[in-house]
Amino acid sequence: METRAVARFVRISPRKVRLVMDQVRGKKVEEALNMLSFAPQRGAWVLKKLINSAVANAGQNSNTDVDSLYLKRLYADQGPALKRWRPRALGRATRILKKTSHLTVILDER
C-alpha cells in the first residue's frame, strides 16, 4: 500500500534538494532517517521532516506494517519563485529569483 506526503512552497531550490534525495532514494525508512540526521545540507532536515510525516500517514492505515516501509519515489518540482532585486552600479538593478520547491515522498511496503 503506497503512502505519500507532500510539502509545498518550501524555500529551497529544487536542485539542492534533489542532491539529498538521490542519496536516500530506494532505502528503508530507518536507514534514510539515520543518513539525513547526519547530512550537512539544509535540505536534509526538510526531507527528514517530510519522511516522518509520510510514516505517520502510513501509521494511520490499519493494514500497513510501518517497519517494512521503504522510499519508493522522491521528487522535487519547482514552485513559484519570489522575485527580488539587488542594486548595482550606475543605478541599475539586477533581478534575484528566490526559488521554492514542491517536495513529494511516496513510501511502499517491501
PDB file of N, CA and C in Angstrom:
ATOM      1  N   MET A   1       0.839  -1.187   0.000  1.00  0.00           N
ATOM      2  CA  MET A   1       0.000   0.000   0.000  1.00  0.00           C
ATOM      3  C   MET A   1       0.883   1.248   0.000  1.00  0.00           C
ATOM      4  N   GLU A   2       0.712   2.066  -0.999  1.00  0.00           N
ATOM      5  CA  GLU A   2       1.507   3.287  -1.098  1.00  0.00           C
ATOM      6  C   GLU A   2       0.974   4.367  -0.164  1.00  0.00           C
ATOM      7  N   THR A   3       1.902   5.124   0.407  1.00  0.00           N
ATOM      8  CA  THR A   3       1.565   6.259   1.257  1.00  0.00           C
ATOM      9  C   THR A   3       2.388   7.435   0.792  1.00  0.00           C
ATOM     10  N   ARG A   4       1.779   8.626   0.789  1.00  0.00           N
ATOM     11  CA  ARG A   4       2.516   9.790   0.313  1.00  0.00           C
ATOM     12  C   ARG A   4       2.378  10.963   1.264  1.00  0.00           C
ATOM     13  N   ALA A   5       3.354  11.858   1.149  1.00  0.00           N
ATOM     14  CA  ALA A   5       3.334  13.120   1.881  1.00  0.00           C
ATOM     15  C   ALA A   5       3.898  14.183   0.944  1.00  0.00           C
ATOM     16  N   VAL A   6       3.323  15.385   1.000  1.00  0.00           N
ATOM     17  CA  VAL A   6       3.714  16.470   0.104  1.00  0.00           C
ATOM     18  C   VAL A   6       3.998  17.713   0.934  1.00  0.00           C
ATOM     19  N   ALA A   7       5.100  18.372   0.628  1.00  0.00           N
ATOM     20  CA  ALA A   7       5.422  19.674   1.226  1.00  0.00           C
ATOM     21  C   ALA A   7       5.496  20.671   0.080  1.00  0.00           C
ATOM     22  N   ARG A   8       4.693  21.702   0.146  1.00  0.00           N
ATOM     23  CA  ARG A   8       4.648  22.673  -0.946  1.00  0.00           C
ATOM     24  C   ARG A   8       5.215  24.008  -0.492  1.00  0.00           C
ATOM     25  N   PHE A   9       5.750  24.745  -1.450  1.00  0.00           N
ATOM     26  CA  PHE A   9       6.294  26.091  -1.233  1.00  0.00           C
ATOM     27  C   PHE A   9       7.433  26.106  -0.213  1.00  0.00           C
ATOM     28  N   VAL A  10       8.296  25.110  -0.271  1.00  0.00           N
ATOM     29  CA  VAL A  10       9.462  25.048   0.610  1.00  0.00           C
ATOM     30  C   VAL A  10      10.522  25.981   0.041  1.00  0.00           C
ATOM     31  N   ARG A  11      11.101  26.833   0.882  1.00  0.00           N
ATOM     32  CA  ARG A  11      12.032  27.867   0.423  1.00  0.00           C
ATOM     33  C   ARG A  11      13.450  27.329   0.239  1.00  0.00           C
ATOM     34  N   ILE A  12      13.593  26.386  -0.674  1.00  0.00           N
ATOM     35  CA  ILE A  12      14.902  25.868  -1.045  1.00  0.00           C
ATOM     36  C   ILE A  12      14.831  25.478  -2.511  1.00  0.00           C
ATOM     37  N   SER A  13      15.928  25.623  -3.199  1.00  0.00           N
ATOM     38  CA  SER A  13      15.967  25.319  -4.628  1.00  0.00           C
ATOM     39  C   SER A  13      15.774  23.819  -4.857  1.00  0.00           C
ATOM     40  N   PRO A  14      14.991  23.440  -5.872  1.00  0.00           N
ATOM     41  CA  PRO A  14      14.775  22.010  -6.142  1.00  0.00           C
ATOM     42  C   PRO A  14      16.080  21.294  -6.483  1.00  0.00           C
ATOM     43  N   ARG A  15      16.990  21.994  -7.103  1.00  0.00           N
ATOM     44  CA  ARG A  15      18.268  21.394  -7.485  1.00  0.00           C
ATOM     45  C   ARG A  15      19.056  20.948  -6.257  1.00  0.00           C
ATOM     46  N   LYS A  16      19.009  21.740  -5.197  1.00  0.00           N
ATOM     47  CA  LYS A  16      19.742  21.408  -3.983  1.00  0.00           C
ATOM     48  C   LYS A  16      19.078  20.264  -3.220  1.00  0.00           C
ATOM     49  N   VAL A  17      17.754  20.210  -3.241  1.00  0.00           N
ATOM     50  CA  VAL A  17      17.053  19.134  -2.536  1.00  0.00           C
ATOM     51  C   VAL A  17      17.234  17.816  -3.269  1.00  0.00           C
ATOM     52  N   ARG A  18      17.297  17.850  -4.591  1.00  0.00           N
ATOM     53  CA  ARG A  18      17.452  16.617  -5.366  1.00  0.00           C
ATOM     54  C   ARG A  18      18.771  15.925  -5.051  1.00  0.00           C
ATOM     55  N   LEU A  19      19.808  16.683  -4.714  1.00  0.00           N
ATOM     56  CA  LEU A  19      21.083  16.074  -4.348  1.00  0.00           C
ATOM     57  C   LEU A  19      20.936  15.207  -3.102  1.00  0.00           C
ATOM     58  N   VAL A  20      20.142  15.667  -2.150  1.00  0.00           N
ATOM     59  CA  VAL A  20      19.906  14.901  -0.926  1.00  0.00           C
ATOM     60  C   VAL A  20      18.971  13.732  -1.215  1.00  0.00           C
ATOM     61  N   MET A  21      17.965  13.958  -2.051  1.00  0.00           N
ATOM     62  CA  MET A  21      17.006  12.896  -2.376  1.00  0.00           C
ATOM     63  C   MET A  21      17.680  11.715  -3.066  1.00  0.00           C
ATOM     64  N   ASP A  22      18.652  12.010  -3.919  1.00  0.00           N
ATOM     65  CA  ASP A  22      19.340  10.941  -4.637  1.00  0.00           C
ATOM     66  C   ASP A  22      20.097  10.018  -3.691  1.00  0.00           C
ATOM     67  N   GLN A  23      20.526  10.530  -2.541  1.00  0.00           N
ATOM     68  CA  GLN A  23      21.272   9.719  -1.586  1.00  0.00           C
ATOM     69  C   GLN A  23      20.388   8.717  -0.855  1.00  0.00           C
ATOM     70  N   VAL A  24      19.108   9.038  -0.645  1.00  0.00           N
ATOM     71  CA  VAL A  24      18.242   8.174   0.166  1.00  0.00           C
ATOM     72  C   VAL A  24      17.182   7.435  -0.644  1.00  0.00           C
ATOM     73  N   ARG A  25      17.091   7.681  -1.932  1.00  0.00           N
ATOM     74  CA  ARG A  25      16.060   7.039  -2.756  1.00  0.00           C
ATOM     75  C   ARG A  25      16.253   5.523  -2.763  1.00  0.00           C
ATOM     76  N   GLY A  26      15.160   4.784  -2.497  1.00  0.00           N
ATOM     77  CA  GLY A  26      15.188   3.328  -2.518  1.00  0.00           C
ATOM     78  C   GLY A  26      15.595   2.686  -1.201  1.00  0.00           C
ATOM     79  N   LYS A  27      15.998   3.458  -0.227  1.00  0.00           N
ATOM     80  CA  LYS A  27      16.449   2.914   1.054  1.00  0.00           C
ATOM     81  C   LYS A  27      15.256   2.670   1.984  1.00  0.00           C
ATOM     82  N   LYS A  28      15.496   1.859   3.026  1.00  0.00           N
ATOM     83  CA  LYS A  28      14.472   1.672   4.053  1.00  0.00           C
ATOM     84  C   LYS A  28      14.343   2.976   4.837  1.00  0.00           C
ATOM     85  N   VAL A  29      13.183   3.189   5.449  1.00  0.00           N
ATOM     86  CA  VAL A  29      12.893   4.447   6.138  1.00  0.00           C
ATOM     87  C   VAL A  29      13.870   4.682   7.292  1.00  0.00           C
ATOM     88  N   GLU A  30      14.138   3.656   8.084  1.00  0.00           N
ATOM     89  CA  GLU A  30      15.054   3.812   9.215  1.00  0.00           C
ATOM     90  C   GLU A  30      16.438   4.245   8.749  1.00  0.00           C
ATOM     91  N   GLU A  31      16.930   3.593   7.701  1.00  0.00           N
ATOM     92  CA  GLU A  31      18.262   3.902   7.188  1.00  0.00           C
ATOM     93  C   GLU A  31      18.315   5.323   6.620  1.00  0.00           C
ATOM     94  N   ALA A  32      17.251   5.716   5.911  1.00  0.00           N
ATOM     95  CA  ALA A  32      17.205   7.053   5.316  1.00  0.00           C
ATOM     96  C   ALA A  32      17.170   8.136   6.396  1.00  0.00           C
ATOM     97  N   LEU A  33      16.373   7.932   7.446  1.00  0.00           N
ATOM     98  CA  LEU A  33      16.295   8.922   8.518  1.00  0.00           C
ATOM     99  C   LEU A  33      17.632   9.042   9.252  1.00  0.00           C
ATOM    100  N   ASN A  34      18.331   7.917   9.398  1.00  0.00           N
ATOM    101  CA  ASN A  34      19.640   7.948  10.036  1.00  0.00           C
ATOM    102  C   ASN A  34      20.636   8.728   9.176  1.00  0.00           C
ATOM    103  N   MET A  35      20.615   8.524   7.868  1.00  0.00           N
ATOM    104  CA  MET A  35      21.509   9.246   6.961  1.00  0.00           C
ATOM    105  C   MET A  35      21.208  10.744   6.979  1.00  0.00           C
ATOM    106  N   LEU A  36      19.925  11.093   6.994  1.00  0.00           N
ATOM    107  CA  LEU A  36      19.545  12.505   6.958  1.00  0.00           C
ATOM    108  C   LEU A  36      19.877  13.228   8.268  1.00  0.00           C
ATOM    109  N   SER A  37      19.929  12.482   9.364  1.00  0.00           N
ATOM    110  CA  SER A  37      20.262  13.106  10.645  1.00  0.00           C
ATOM    111  C   SER A  37      21.673  13.677  10.655  1.00  0.00           C
ATOM    112  N   PHE A  38      22.567  13.048   9.880  1.00  0.00           N
ATOM    113  CA  PHE A  38      23.964  13.468   9.862  1.00  0.00           C
ATOM    114  C   PHE A  38      24.364  14.191   8.593  1.00  0.00           C
ATOM    115  N   ALA A  39      23.433  14.442   7.700  1.00  0.00           N
ATOM    116  CA  ALA A  39      23.749  15.136   6.452  1.00  0.00           C
ATOM    117  C   ALA A  39      23.874  16.639   6.716  1.00  0.00           C
ATOM    118  N   PRO A  40      24.905  17.289   6.180  1.00  0.00           N
ATOM    119  CA  PRO A  40      25.111  18.704   6.450  1.00  0.00           C
ATOM    120  C   PRO A  40      24.246  19.648   5.608  1.00  0.00           C
ATOM    121  N   GLN A  41      23.614  19.140   4.568  1.00  0.00           N
ATOM    122  CA  GLN A  41      22.843  20.002   3.676  1.00  0.00           C
ATOM    123  C   GLN A  41      21.584  20.522   4.359  1.00  0.00           C
ATOM    124  N   ARG A  42      21.163  21.717   3.930  1.00  0.00           N
ATOM    125  CA  ARG A  42      19.981  22.330   4.518  1.00  0.00           C
ATOM    126  C   ARG A  42      18.706  21.576   4.144  1.00  0.00           C
ATOM    127  N   GLY A  43      18.695  20.962   2.972  1.00  0.00           N
ATOM    128  CA  GLY A  43      17.516  20.221   2.528  1.00  0.00           C
ATOM    129  C   GLY A  43      17.304  18.929   3.290  1.00  0.00           C
ATOM    130  N   ALA A  44      18.295  18.482   4.038  1.00  0.00           N
ATOM    131  CA  ALA A  44      18.185  17.206   4.747  1.00  0.00           C
ATOM    132  C   ALA A  44      17.131  17.264   5.843  1.00  0.00           C
ATOM    133  N   TRP A  45      17.088  18.378   6.604  1.00  0.00           N
ATOM    134  CA  TRP A  45      16.106  18.429   7.699  1.00  0.00           C
ATOM    135  C   TRP A  45      14.687  18.568   7.156  1.00  0.00           C
ATOM    136  N   VAL A  46      14.516  19.233   6.011  1.00  0.00           N
ATOM    137  CA  VAL A  46      13.187  19.345   5.392  1.00  0.00           C
ATOM    138  C   VAL A  46      12.722  17.969   4.925  1.00  0.00           C
ATOM    139  N   LEU A  47      13.629  17.231   4.302  1.00  0.00           N
ATOM    140  CA  LEU A  47      13.295  15.902   3.802  1.00  0.00           C
ATOM    141  C   LEU A  47      13.030  14.928   4.952  1.00  0.00           C
ATOM    142  N   LYS A  48      13.786  15.056   6.023  1.00  0.00           N
ATOM    143  CA  LYS A  48      13.578  14.199   7.198  1.00  0.00           C
ATOM    144  C   LYS A  48      12.197  14.432   7.790  1.00  0.00           C
ATOM    145  N   LYS A  49      11.823  15.689   7.886  1.00  0.00           N
ATOM    146  CA  LYS A  49      10.510  16.037   8.417  1.00  0.00           C
ATOM    147  C   LYS A  49       9.390  15.489   7.523  1.00  0.00           C
ATOM    148  N   LEU A  50       9.594  15.540   6.218  1.00  0.00           N
ATOM    149  CA  LEU A  50       8.592  15.048   5.270  1.00  0.00           C
ATOM    150  C   LEU A  50       8.474  13.525   5.328  1.00  0.00           C
ATOM    151  N   ILE A  51       9.600  12.835   5.480  1.00  0.00           N
ATOM    152  CA  ILE A  51       9.555  11.372   5.588  1.00  0.00           C
ATOM    153  C   ILE A  51       8.846  10.965   6.878  1.00  0.00           C
ATOM    154  N   ASN A  52       9.104  11.674   7.970  1.00  0.00           N
ATOM    155  CA  ASN A  52       8.392  11.385   9.228  1.00  0.00           C
ATOM    156  C   ASN A  52       6.889  11.584   9.063  1.00  0.00           C
ATOM    157  N   SER A  53       6.499  12.589   8.290  1.00  0.00           N
ATOM    158  CA  SER A  53       5.082  12.825   8.029  1.00  0.00           C
ATOM    159  C   SER A  53       4.472  11.683   7.215  1.00  0.00           C
ATOM    160  N   ALA A  54       5.224  11.196   6.228  1.00  0.00           N
ATOM    161  CA  ALA A  54       4.731  10.077   5.414  1.00  0.00           C
ATOM    162  C   ALA A  54       4.597   8.808   6.246  1.00  0.00           C
ATOM    163  N   VAL A  55       5.527   8.589   7.174  1.00  0.00           N
ATOM    164  CA  VAL A  55       5.445   7.415   8.055  1.00  0.00           C
ATOM    165  C   VAL A  55       4.227   7.536   8.961  1.00  0.00           C
ATOM    166  N   ALA A  56       3.949   8.741   9.456  1.00  0.00           N
ATOM    167  CA  ALA A  56       2.762   8.948  10.288  1.00  0.00           C
ATOM    168  C   ALA A  56       1.492   8.716   9.481  1.00  0.00           C
ATOM    169  N   ASN A  57       1.501   9.136   8.216  1.00  0.00           N
ATOM    170  CA  ASN A  57       0.349   8.877   7.350  1.00  0.00           C
ATOM    171  C   ASN A  57       0.154   7.381   7.150  1.00  0.00           C
ATOM    172  N   ALA A  58       1.248   6.649   6.991  1.00  0.00           N
ATOM    173  CA  ALA A  58       1.155   5.194   6.819  1.00  0.00           C
ATOM    174  C   ALA A  58       0.664   4.529   8.094  1.00  0.00           C
ATOM    175  N   GLY A  59       1.031   5.079   9.245  1.00  0.00           N
ATOM    176  CA  GLY A  59       0.592   4.513  10.517  1.00  0.00           C
ATOM    177  C   GLY A  59      -0.908   4.639  10.735  1.00  0.00           C
ATOM    178  N   GLN A  60      -1.542   5.596  10.083  1.00  0.00           N
ATOM    179  CA  GLN A  60      -2.989   5.756  10.195  1.00  0.00           C
ATOM    180  C   GLN A  60      -3.748   4.638   9.483  1.00  0.00           C
ATOM    181  N   ASN A  61      -3.086   4.021   8.510  1.00  0.00           N
ATOM    182  CA  ASN A  61      -3.700   2.909   7.780  1.00  0.00           C
ATOM    183  C   ASN A  61      -3.511   1.641   8.603  1.00  0.00           C
ATOM    184  N   SER A  62      -4.587   0.933   8.898  1.00  0.00           N
ATOM    185  CA  SER A  62      -4.534  -0.187   9.834  1.00  0.00           C
ATOM    186  C   SER A  62      -3.793  -1.401   9.287  1.00  0.00           C
ATOM    187  N   ASN A  63      -3.761  -1.604   7.976  1.00  0.00           N
ATOM    188  CA  ASN A  63      -3.129  -2.810   7.441  1.00  0.00           C
ATOM    189  C   ASN A  63      -1.735  -2.552   6.878  1.00  0.00           C
ATOM    190  N   THR A  64      -1.060  -1.493   7.324  1.00  0.00           N
ATOM    191  CA  THR A  64       0.287  -1.172   6.864  1.00  0.00           C
ATOM    192  C   THR A  64       1.294  -1.474   7.970  1.00  0.00           C
ATOM    193  N   ASP A  65       2.345  -2.216   7.618  1.00  0.00           N
ATOM    194  CA  ASP A  65       3.430  -2.502   8.553  1.00  0.00           C
ATOM    195  C   ASP A  65       4.472  -1.393   8.427  1.00  0.00           C
ATOM    196  N   VAL A  66       4.566  -0.542   9.437  1.00  0.00           N
ATOM    197  CA  VAL A  66       5.434   0.644   9.388  1.00  0.00           C
ATOM    198  C   VAL A  66       6.905   0.254   9.342  1.00  0.00           C
ATOM    199  N   ASP A  67       7.264  -0.897   9.911  1.00  0.00           N
ATOM    200  CA  ASP A  67       8.673  -1.299   9.957  1.00  0.00           C
ATOM    201  C   ASP A  67       9.213  -1.753   8.612  1.00  0.00           C
ATOM    202  N   SER A  68       8.343  -2.108   7.672  1.00  0.00           N
ATOM    203  CA  SER A  68       8.814  -2.615   6.377  1.00  0.00           C
ATOM    204  C   SER A  68       8.717  -1.571   5.265  1.00  0.00           C
ATOM    205  N   LEU A  69       8.562  -0.309   5.611  1.00  0.00           N
ATOM    206  CA  LEU A  69       8.422   0.733   4.594  1.00  0.00           C
ATOM    207  C   LEU A  69       9.769   1.114   3.995  1.00  0.00           C
ATOM    208  N   TYR A  70       9.754   1.454   2.713  1.00  0.00           N
ATOM    209  CA  TYR A  70      10.941   1.980   2.043  1.00  0.00           C
ATOM    210  C   TYR A  70      10.530   3.153   1.173  1.00  0.00           C
ATOM    211  N   LEU A  71      11.516   3.964   0.770  1.00  0.00           N
ATOM    212  CA  LEU A  71      11.258   5.151  -0.033  1.00  0.00           C
ATOM    213  C   LEU A  71      11.151   4.744  -1.506  1.00  0.00           C
ATOM    214  N   LYS A  72       9.940   4.653  -1.984  1.00  0.00           N
ATOM    215  CA  LYS A  72       9.717   4.201  -3.350  1.00  0.00           C
ATOM    216  C   LYS A  72      10.025   5.303  -4.356  1.00  0.00           C
ATOM    217  N   ARG A  73       9.441   6.485  -4.151  1.00  0.00           N
ATOM    218  CA  ARG A  73       9.664   7.601  -5.072  1.00  0.00           C
ATOM    219  C   ARG A  73       9.840   8.882  -4.275  1.00  0.00           C
ATOM    220  N   LEU A  74      10.815   9.683  -4.700  1.00  0.00           N
ATOM    221  CA  LEU A  74      11.057  11.008  -4.132  1.00  0.00           C
ATOM    222  C   LEU A  74      11.256  11.949  -5.301  1.00  0.00           C
ATOM    223  N   TYR A  75      10.572  13.063  -5.292  1.00  0.00           N
ATOM    224  CA  TYR A  75      10.851  14.042  -6.333  1.00  0.00           C
ATOM    225  C   TYR A  75      10.577  15.453  -5.843  1.00  0.00           C
ATOM    226  N   ALA A  76      11.294  16.392  -6.462  1.00  0.00           N
ATOM    227  CA  ALA A  76      11.188  17.811  -6.121  1.00  0.00           C
ATOM    228  C   ALA A  76      10.831  18.570  -7.397  1.00  0.00           C
ATOM    229  N   ASP A  77       9.665  19.173  -7.400  1.00  0.00           N
ATOM    230  CA  ASP A  77       9.235  20.005  -8.520  1.00  0.00           C
ATOM    231  C   ASP A  77       9.453  21.462  -8.156  1.00  0.00           C
ATOM    232  N   GLN A  78       9.615  22.282  -9.177  1.00  0.00           N
ATOM    233  CA  GLN A  78       9.840  23.701  -8.931  1.00  0.00           C
ATOM    234  C   GLN A  78       8.524  24.403  -8.634  1.00  0.00           C
ATOM    235  N   GLY A  79       8.544  25.227  -7.592  1.00  0.00           N
ATOM    236  CA  GLY A  79       7.394  26.044  -7.238  1.00  0.00           C
ATOM    237  C   GLY A  79       7.587  27.450  -7.775  1.00  0.00           C
ATOM    238  N   PRO A  80       6.735  28.361  -7.388  1.00  0.00           N
ATOM    239  CA  PRO A  80       6.886  29.747  -7.843  1.00  0.00           C
ATOM    240  C   PRO A  80       8.111  30.396  -7.215  1.00  0.00           C
ATOM    241  N   ALA A  81       8.728  31.289  -7.948  1.00  0.00           N
ATOM    242  CA  ALA A  81       9.927  31.976  -7.459  1.00  0.00           C
ATOM    243  C   ALA A  81       9.538  33.345  -6.909  1.00  0.00           C
ATOM    244  N   LEU A  82      10.149  33.715  -5.799  1.00  0.00           N
ATOM    245  CA  LEU A  82       9.970  35.052  -5.244  1.00  0.00           C
ATOM    246  C   LEU A  82      10.935  35.974  -5.978  1.00  0.00           C
ATOM    247  N   LYS A  83      10.421  37.053  -6.541  1.00  0.00           N
ATOM    248  CA  LYS A  83      11.253  37.943  -7.336  1.00  0.00           C
ATOM    249  C   LYS A  83      11.698  39.129  -6.486  1.00  0.00           C
ATOM    250  N   ARG A  84      13.002  39.291  -6.391  1.00  0.00           N
ATOM    251  CA  ARG A  84      13.605  40.374  -5.638  1.00  0.00           C
ATOM    252  C   ARG A  84      14.600  41.086  -6.538  1.00  0.00           C
ATOM    253  N   TRP A  85      15.138  42.199  -6.065  1.00  0.00           N
ATOM    254  CA  TRP A  85      16.149  42.891  -6.862  1.00  0.00           C
ATOM    255  C   TRP A  85      17.281  43.375  -5.978  1.00  0.00           C
ATOM    256  N   ARG A  86      18.456  43.513  -6.609  1.00  0.00           N
ATOM    257  CA  ARG A  86      19.659  43.951  -5.922  1.00  0.00           C
ATOM    258  C   ARG A  86      20.206  45.176  -6.655  1.00  0.00           C
ATOM    259  N   PRO A  87      20.498  46.251  -5.924  1.00  0.00           N
ATOM    260  CA  PRO A  87      21.057  47.436  -6.578  1.00  0.00           C
ATOM    261  C   PRO A  87      22.458  47.156  -7.117  1.00  0.00           C
ATOM    262  N   ARG A  88      22.732  47.688  -8.316  1.00  0.00           N
ATOM    263  CA  ARG A  88      24.036  47.505  -8.955  1.00  0.00           C
ATOM    264  C   ARG A  88      24.601  48.871  -9.333  1.00  0.00           C
ATOM    265  N   ALA A  89      25.714  48.836  -9.991  1.00  0.00           N
ATOM    266  CA  ALA A  89      26.411  50.073 -10.339  1.00  0.00           C
ATOM    267  C   ALA A  89      25.611  50.901 -11.336  1.00  0.00           C
ATOM    268  N   LEU A  90      25.822  52.198 -11.297  1.00  0.00           N
ATOM    269  CA  LEU A  90      25.231  53.157 -12.246  1.00  0.00           C
ATOM    270  C   LEU A  90      23.708  53.156 -12.206  1.00  0.00           C
ATOM    271  N   GLY A  91      23.115  52.891 -11.040  1.00  0.00           N
ATOM    272  CA  GLY A  91      21.672  52.981 -10.893  1.00  0.00           C
ATOM    273  C   GLY A  91      20.888  51.816 -11.459  1.00  0.00           C
ATOM    274  N   ARG A  92      21.571  50.781 -11.851  1.00  0.00           N
ATOM    275  CA  ARG A  92      20.866  49.608 -12.393  1.00  0.00           C
ATOM    276  C   ARG A  92      20.375  48.710 -11.257  1.00  0.00           C
ATOM    277  N   ALA A  93      19.546  47.755 -11.624  1.00  0.00           N
ATOM    278  CA  ALA A  93      19.082  46.749 -10.669  1.00  0.00           C
ATOM    279  C   ALA A  93      19.155  45.386 -11.344  1.00  0.00           C
ATOM    280  N   THR A  94      19.544  44.378 -10.576  1.00  0.00           N
ATOM    281  CA  THR A  94      19.620  43.011 -11.077  1.00  0.00           C
ATOM    282  C   THR A  94      18.567  42.180 -10.361  1.00  0.00           C
ATOM    283  N   ARG A  95      17.880  41.339 -11.106  1.00  0.00           N
ATOM    284  CA  ARG A  95      16.825  40.516 -10.529  1.00  0.00           C
ATOM    285  C   ARG A  95      17.408  39.308  -9.813  1.00  0.00           C
ATOM    286  N   ILE A  96      16.829  38.977  -8.662  1.00  0.00           N
ATOM    287  CA  ILE A  96      17.189  37.783  -7.908  1.00  0.00           C
ATOM    288  C   ILE A  96      15.941  36.913  -7.824  1.00  0.00           C
ATOM    289  N   LEU A  97      16.085  35.637  -8.138  1.00  0.00           N
ATOM    290  CA  LEU A  97      14.976  34.688  -8.023  1.00  0.00           C
ATOM    291  C   LEU A  97      15.222  33.807  -6.804  1.00  0.00           C
ATOM    292  N   LYS A  98      14.352  33.914  -5.822  1.00  0.00           N
ATOM    293  CA  LYS A  98      14.423  33.045  -4.648  1.00  0.00           C
ATOM    294  C   LYS A  98      13.478  31.886  -4.913  1.00  0.00           C
ATOM    295  N   LYS A  99      14.054  30.741  -5.213  1.00  0.00           N
ATOM    296  CA  LYS A  99      13.281  29.607  -5.708  1.00  0.00           C
ATOM    297  C   LYS A  99      12.597  28.839  -4.582  1.00  0.00           C
ATOM    298  N   THR A 100      11.458  28.237  -4.916  1.00  0.00           N
ATOM    299  CA  THR A 100      10.731  27.374  -3.987  1.00  0.00           C
ATOM    300  C   THR A 100      10.554  26.007  -4.624  1.00  0.00           C
ATOM    301  N   SER A 101      10.208  25.023  -3.789  1.00  0.00           N
ATOM    302  CA  SER A 101      10.064  23.648  -4.252  1.00  0.00           C
ATOM    303  C   SER A 101       8.768  23.038  -3.743  1.00  0.00           C
ATOM    304  N   HIS A 102       8.266  22.083  -4.503  1.00  0.00           N
ATOM    305  CA  HIS A 102       7.184  21.212  -4.059  1.00  0.00           C
ATOM    306  C   HIS A 102       7.796  19.813  -3.929  1.00  0.00           C
ATOM    307  N   LEU A 103       7.877  19.294  -2.705  1.00  0.00           N
ATOM    308  CA  LEU A 103       8.522  18.008  -2.454  1.00  0.00           C
ATOM    309  C   LEU A 103       7.470  16.929  -2.243  1.00  0.00           C
ATOM    310  N   THR A 104       7.715  15.750  -2.812  1.00  0.00           N
ATOM    311  CA  THR A 104       6.800  14.627  -2.671  1.00  0.00           C
ATOM    312  C   THR A 104       7.587  13.381  -2.282  1.00  0.00           C
ATOM    313  N   VAL A 105       7.088  12.666  -1.279  1.00  0.00           N
ATOM    314  CA  VAL A 105       7.673  11.404  -0.831  1.00  0.00           C
ATOM    315  C   VAL A 105       6.590  10.338  -0.922  1.00  0.00           C
ATOM    316  N   ILE A 106       6.907   9.221  -1.579  1.00  0.00           N
ATOM    317  CA  ILE A 106       5.976   8.087  -1.668  1.00  0.00           C
ATOM    318  C   ILE A 106       6.655   6.874  -1.052  1.00  0.00           C
ATOM    319  N   LEU A 107       6.011   6.303  -0.039  1.00  0.00           N
ATOM    320  CA  LEU A 107       6.523   5.115   0.648  1.00  0.00           C
ATOM    321  C   LEU A 107       5.718   3.901   0.211  1.00  0.00           C
ATOM    322  N   ASP A 108       6.354   2.740   0.281  1.00  0.00           N
ATOM    323  CA  ASP A 108       5.659   1.491  -0.037  1.00  0.00           C
ATOM    324  C   ASP A 108       6.222   0.400   0.853  1.00  0.00           C
ATOM    325  N   GLU A 109       5.462  -0.693   0.998  1.00  0.00           N
ATOM    326  CA  GLU A 109       5.912  -1.825   1.805  1.00  0.00           C
ATOM    327  C   GLU A 109       6.744  -2.758   0.940  1.00  0.00           C
ATOM    328  N   ARG A 110       7.743  -3.350   1.576  1.00  0.00           N
ATOM    329  CA  ARG A 110       8.568  -4.316   0.868  1.00  0.00           C
ATOM    330  C   ARG A 110       7.985  -5.672   0.946  1.00  0.00           C
TER     331      ARG A 110
END
